[in-house]
Amino acid sequence: MFLMLVAGRPRGAQAAEGQDLGELLRHDKLGGALILVVEDEPLIALDLSSSLRDAGAQVVQAANVESALAAIDAHRCSAAVVDYWLGYETGRAVARRLKEKRVPFLYYSGRALDDFTTGSGAPVISKPAGGREIVGMLRLLLDGKA
């Protein structure tokens, strides 16, 4: 399933029967989950990490593909937020490793994505987005609903 969140509206996300998706996104606590943030822009990484910590998550940060792969191998991450365009690199290797380890993830990108990302089945949130939207989508991923 391909998911995209644009202007706060998830496309393709499914709420449980009788449950409104907006309601699901309001209950966005991450309860100690270890979230990997792969983001090459320091201020965005800081802001995103702060939002995740405020929601109760533990955060591991990586600014490039090499450090992201090392973090995936070193930690048992619950989920990940991956900026697909990392300077001159793409997040393809990161996505492959996360899939190998069965770690759910979402893409958070401000630039156009290619067929690899849109065909990956991972949710996509377009920059800029608020921490609440990202936390909400991570909760869906952790609950197996995205």
C-alpha atoms as a PDB file:
ATOM      1  CA  MET A   1       0.000   0.000   0.000  1.00  0.00           C
ATOM      2  CA  PHE A   2       1.289   3.478  -0.861  1.00  0.00           C
ATOM      3  CA  LEU A   3       0.528   6.237   1.639  1.00  0.00           C
ATOM      4  CA  MET A   4       1.162   9.920   1.296  1.00  0.00           C
ATOM      5  CA  LEU A   5       0.477  12.720   3.748  1.00  0.00           C
ATOM      6  CA  VAL A   6       0.088  16.123   2.161  1.00  0.00           C
ATOM      7  CA  ALA A   7      -1.146  19.129   4.102  1.00  0.00           C
ATOM      8  CA  GLY A   8      -2.102  16.936   7.036  1.00  0.00           C
ATOM      9  CA  ARG A   9      -4.308  14.503   5.080  1.00  0.00           C
ATOM     10  CA  PRO A  10      -3.063  10.921   4.870  1.00  0.00           C
ATOM     11  CA  ARG A  11      -3.910   9.208   1.604  1.00  0.00           C
ATOM     12  CA  GLY A  12      -4.351   5.478   1.722  1.00  0.00           C
ATOM     13  CA  ALA A  13      -4.233   5.148   5.520  1.00  0.00           C
ATOM     14  CA  GLN A  14      -6.852   2.922   7.068  1.00  0.00           C
ATOM     15  CA  ALA A  15      -8.431   3.299  10.466  1.00  0.00           C
ATOM     16  CA  ALA A  16     -10.006   0.367  12.266  1.00  0.00           C
ATOM     17  CA  GLU A  17     -13.682  -0.193  11.608  1.00  0.00           C
ATOM     18  CA  GLY A  18     -15.683   2.603  13.198  1.00  0.00           C
ATOM     19  CA  GLN A  19     -12.548   4.599  14.026  1.00  0.00           C
ATOM     20  CA  ASP A  20     -11.979   8.004  12.456  1.00  0.00           C
ATOM     21  CA  LEU A  21      -8.444   8.504  11.093  1.00  0.00           C
ATOM     22  CA  GLY A  22      -8.309  12.004  12.594  1.00  0.00           C
ATOM     23  CA  GLU A  23      -9.067  10.508  16.002  1.00  0.00           C
ATOM     24  CA  LEU A  24      -6.330   7.926  15.489  1.00  0.00           C
ATOM     25  CA  LEU A  25      -3.812  10.670  14.706  1.00  0.00           C
ATOM     26  CA  ARG A  26      -4.742  12.580  17.880  1.00  0.00           C
ATOM     27  CA  HIS A  27      -3.678   9.616  20.040  1.00  0.00           C
ATOM     28  CA  ASP A  28      -0.094   9.898  18.946  1.00  0.00           C
ATOM     29  CA  LYS A  29       2.027   8.818  21.874  1.00  0.00           C
ATOM     30  CA  LEU A  30       4.920   6.574  20.924  1.00  0.00           C
ATOM     31  CA  GLY A  31       5.417   4.961  24.329  1.00  0.00           C
ATOM     32  CA  GLY A  32       9.185   4.475  24.438  1.00  0.00           C
ATOM     33  CA  ALA A  33       9.563   3.244  20.843  1.00  0.00           C
ATOM     34  CA  LEU A  34      13.084   3.611  19.450  1.00  0.00           C
ATOM     35  CA  ILE A  35      12.789   5.701  16.283  1.00  0.00           C
ATOM     36  CA  LEU A  36      15.624   6.164  13.793  1.00  0.00           C
ATOM     37  CA  VAL A  37      15.627   9.611  12.175  1.00  0.00           C
ATOM     38  CA  VAL A  38      17.614   9.718   8.924  1.00  0.00           C
ATOM     39  CA  GLU A  39      17.827  13.387   7.948  1.00  0.00           C
ATOM     40  CA  ASP A  40      20.731  15.387   6.517  1.00  0.00           C
ATOM     41  CA  GLU A  41      19.385  18.845   7.415  1.00  0.00           C
ATOM     42  CA  PRO A  42      20.423  19.491  11.058  1.00  0.00           C
ATOM     43  CA  LEU A  43      17.565  21.839  11.973  1.00  0.00           C
ATOM     44  CA  ILE A  44      14.933  19.505  10.524  1.00  0.00           C
ATOM     45  CA  ALA A  45      16.516  16.543  12.335  1.00  0.00           C
ATOM     46  CA  LEU A  46      16.547  18.496  15.606  1.00  0.00           C
ATOM     47  CA  ASP A  47      12.921  19.603  15.245  1.00  0.00           C
ATOM     48  CA  LEU A  48      11.722  16.146  14.253  1.00  0.00           C
ATOM     49  CA  SER A  49      13.661  14.457  17.062  1.00  0.00           C
ATOM     50  CA  SER A  50      12.220  16.914  19.559  1.00  0.00           C
ATOM     51  CA  SER A  51       8.666  16.150  18.398  1.00  0.00           C
ATOM     52  CA  LEU A  52       9.304  12.416  18.666  1.00  0.00           C
ATOM     53  CA  ARG A  53      10.782  12.748  22.159  1.00  0.00           C
ATOM     54  CA  ASP A  54       7.812  14.871  23.221  1.00  0.00           C
ATOM     55  CA  ALA A  55       5.617  11.967  22.104  1.00  0.00           C
ATOM     56  CA  GLY A  56       7.550   9.575  24.332  1.00  0.00           C
ATOM     57  CA  ALA A  57       9.955   8.061  21.798  1.00  0.00           C
ATOM     58  CA  GLN A  58      13.642   7.410  22.121  1.00  0.00           C
ATOM     59  CA  VAL A  59      15.524   8.752  19.100  1.00  0.00           C
ATOM     60  CA  VAL A  60      18.635   7.724  17.192  1.00  0.00           C
ATOM     61  CA  GLN A  61      19.798  10.182  14.518  1.00  0.00           C
ATOM     62  CA  ALA A  62      21.756   9.601  11.322  1.00  0.00           C
ATOM     63  CA  ALA A  63      22.694  12.274   8.779  1.00  0.00           C
ATOM     64  CA  ASN A  64      23.819  10.077   5.889  1.00  0.00           C
ATOM     65  CA  VAL A  65      23.483   6.581   4.463  1.00  0.00           C
ATOM     66  CA  GLU A  66      26.618   5.196   6.115  1.00  0.00           C
ATOM     67  CA  SER A  67      25.620   6.313   9.619  1.00  0.00           C
ATOM     68  CA  ALA A  68      22.017   5.179   9.046  1.00  0.00           C
ATOM     69  CA  LEU A  69      23.130   1.662   8.077  1.00  0.00           C
ATOM     70  CA  ALA A  70      25.397   1.526  11.133  1.00  0.00           C
ATOM     71  CA  ALA A  71      22.527   2.666  13.380  1.00  0.00           C
ATOM     72  CA  ILE A  72      20.171   0.049  11.940  1.00  0.00           C
ATOM     73  CA  ASP A  73      22.729  -2.667  12.641  1.00  0.00           C
ATOM     74  CA  ALA A  74      23.564  -1.364  16.127  1.00  0.00           C
ATOM     75  CA  HIS A  75      20.038  -0.759  17.444  1.00  0.00           C
ATOM     76  CA  ARG A  76      16.722  -2.583  17.519  1.00  0.00           C
ATOM     77  CA  CYS A  77      14.698   0.256  16.067  1.00  0.00           C
ATOM     78  CA  SER A  78      10.923   0.160  16.364  1.00  0.00           C
ATOM     79  CA  ALA A  79      10.439   2.362  13.280  1.00  0.00           C
ATOM     80  CA  ALA A  80      12.238   4.958  11.171  1.00  0.00           C
ATOM     81  CA  VAL A  81      11.701   8.288   9.455  1.00  0.00           C
ATOM     82  CA  VAL A  82      13.845   8.508   6.310  1.00  0.00           C
ATOM     83  CA  ASP A  83      14.559  11.570   4.200  1.00  0.00           C
ATOM     84  CA  TYR A  84      14.957   9.986   0.782  1.00  0.00           C
ATOM     85  CA  TRP A  85      17.321  12.631  -0.592  1.00  0.00           C
ATOM     86  CA  LEU A  86      20.376  12.765   1.663  1.00  0.00           C
ATOM     87  CA  GLY A  87      22.657  15.313   0.030  1.00  0.00           C
ATOM     88  CA  TYR A  88      24.021  13.566  -3.056  1.00  0.00           C
ATOM     89  CA  GLU A  89      22.836  10.142  -1.902  1.00  0.00           C
ATOM     90  CA  THR A  90      19.434   8.516  -1.857  1.00  0.00           C
ATOM     91  CA  GLY A  91      17.909   6.516   0.978  1.00  0.00           C
ATOM     92  CA  ARG A  92      17.525   3.341  -1.125  1.00  0.00           C
ATOM     93  CA  ALA A  93      20.143   1.369   0.796  1.00  0.00           C
ATOM     94  CA  VAL A  94      18.588   2.529   4.062  1.00  0.00           C
ATOM     95  CA  ALA A  95      15.131   1.407   2.934  1.00  0.00           C
ATOM     96  CA  ARG A  96      16.465  -1.989   1.834  1.00  0.00           C
ATOM     97  CA  ARG A  97      18.207  -2.554   5.187  1.00  0.00           C
ATOM     98  CA  LEU A  98      15.097  -1.506   7.126  1.00  0.00           C
ATOM     99  CA  LYS A  99      13.014  -3.953   5.085  1.00  0.00           C
ATOM    100  CA  GLU A 100      15.566  -6.734   5.680  1.00  0.00           C
ATOM    101  CA  LYS A 101      15.319  -6.076   9.420  1.00  0.00           C
ATOM    102  CA  ARG A 102      11.508  -5.742   9.189  1.00  0.00           C
ATOM    103  CA  VAL A 103      11.555  -2.246  10.623  1.00  0.00           C
ATOM    104  CA  PRO A 104       8.563  -0.170   9.490  1.00  0.00           C
ATOM    105  CA  PHE A 105       9.470   3.230   8.103  1.00  0.00           C
ATOM    106  CA  LEU A 106       8.115   6.271   6.360  1.00  0.00           C
ATOM    107  CA  TYR A 107       9.691   8.667   3.919  1.00  0.00           C
ATOM    108  CA  TYR A 108       9.790  12.348   4.848  1.00  0.00           C
ATOM    109  CA  SER A 109      10.923  14.324   1.830  1.00  0.00           C
ATOM    110  CA  GLY A 110      10.682  17.800   0.403  1.00  0.00           C
ATOM    111  CA  ARG A 111      11.642  16.843  -3.144  1.00  0.00           C
ATOM    112  CA  ALA A 112      10.048  14.688  -5.780  1.00  0.00           C
ATOM    113  CA  LEU A 113      10.355  10.968  -5.199  1.00  0.00           C
ATOM    114  CA  ASP A 114      11.208   8.314  -7.738  1.00  0.00           C
ATOM    115  CA  ASP A 115       9.561   5.010  -8.619  1.00  0.00           C
ATOM    116  CA  PHE A 116      11.609   3.200  -5.965  1.00  0.00           C
ATOM    117  CA  THR A 117       9.990   5.111  -3.125  1.00  0.00           C
ATOM    118  CA  THR A 118       6.481   5.151  -4.497  1.00  0.00           C
ATOM    119  CA  GLY A 119       6.678   1.419  -5.183  1.00  0.00           C
ATOM    120  CA  SER A 120       8.176   0.580  -1.788  1.00  0.00           C
ATOM    121  CA  GLY A 121       4.879   0.488   0.065  1.00  0.00           C
ATOM    122  CA  ALA A 122       6.235   2.904   2.685  1.00  0.00           C
ATOM    123  CA  PRO A 123       4.129   5.924   3.630  1.00  0.00           C
ATOM    124  CA  VAL A 124       5.357   9.272   2.297  1.00  0.00           C
ATOM    125  CA  ILE A 125       4.983  12.548   4.180  1.00  0.00           C
ATOM    126  CA  SER A 126       5.848  15.688   2.232  1.00  0.00           C
ATOM    127  CA  LYS A 127       7.935  18.414   3.851  1.00  0.00           C
ATOM    128  CA  PRO A 128       7.073  20.564   5.572  1.00  0.00           C
ATOM    129  CA  ALA A 129       4.796  18.685   7.940  1.00  0.00           C
ATOM    130  CA  GLY A 130       4.182  19.094  11.624  1.00  0.00           C
ATOM    131  CA  GLY A 131       5.522  16.708  14.208  1.00  0.00           C
ATOM    132  CA  ARG A 132       1.985  15.649  15.051  1.00  0.00           C
ATOM    133  CA  GLU A 133       1.414  14.255  11.548  1.00  0.00           C
ATOM    134  CA  ILE A 134       4.687  12.359  11.603  1.00  0.00           C
ATOM    135  CA  VAL A 135       4.066  10.997  15.089  1.00  0.00           C
ATOM    136  CA  GLY A 136       0.557   9.967  14.053  1.00  0.00           C
ATOM    137  CA  MET A 137       1.791   8.086  10.999  1.00  0.00           C
ATOM    138  CA  LEU A 138       4.507   6.394  13.063  1.00  0.00           C
ATOM    139  CA  ARG A 139       1.805   5.268  15.513  1.00  0.00           C
ATOM    140  CA  LEU A 140      -0.103   3.762  12.579  1.00  0.00           C
ATOM    141  CA  LEU A 141       3.044   1.980  11.416  1.00  0.00           C
ATOM    142  CA  LEU A 142       3.798   0.650  14.878  1.00  0.00           C
ATOM    143  CA  ASP A 143       0.209  -0.578  15.203  1.00  0.00           C
ATOM    144  CA  GLY A 144       0.408  -2.292  11.810  1.00  0.00           C
ATOM    145  CA  LYS A 145      -2.315  -0.059  10.353  1.00  0.00           C
ATOM    146  CA  ALA A 146      -0.250   1.636   7.629  1.00  0.00           C
END
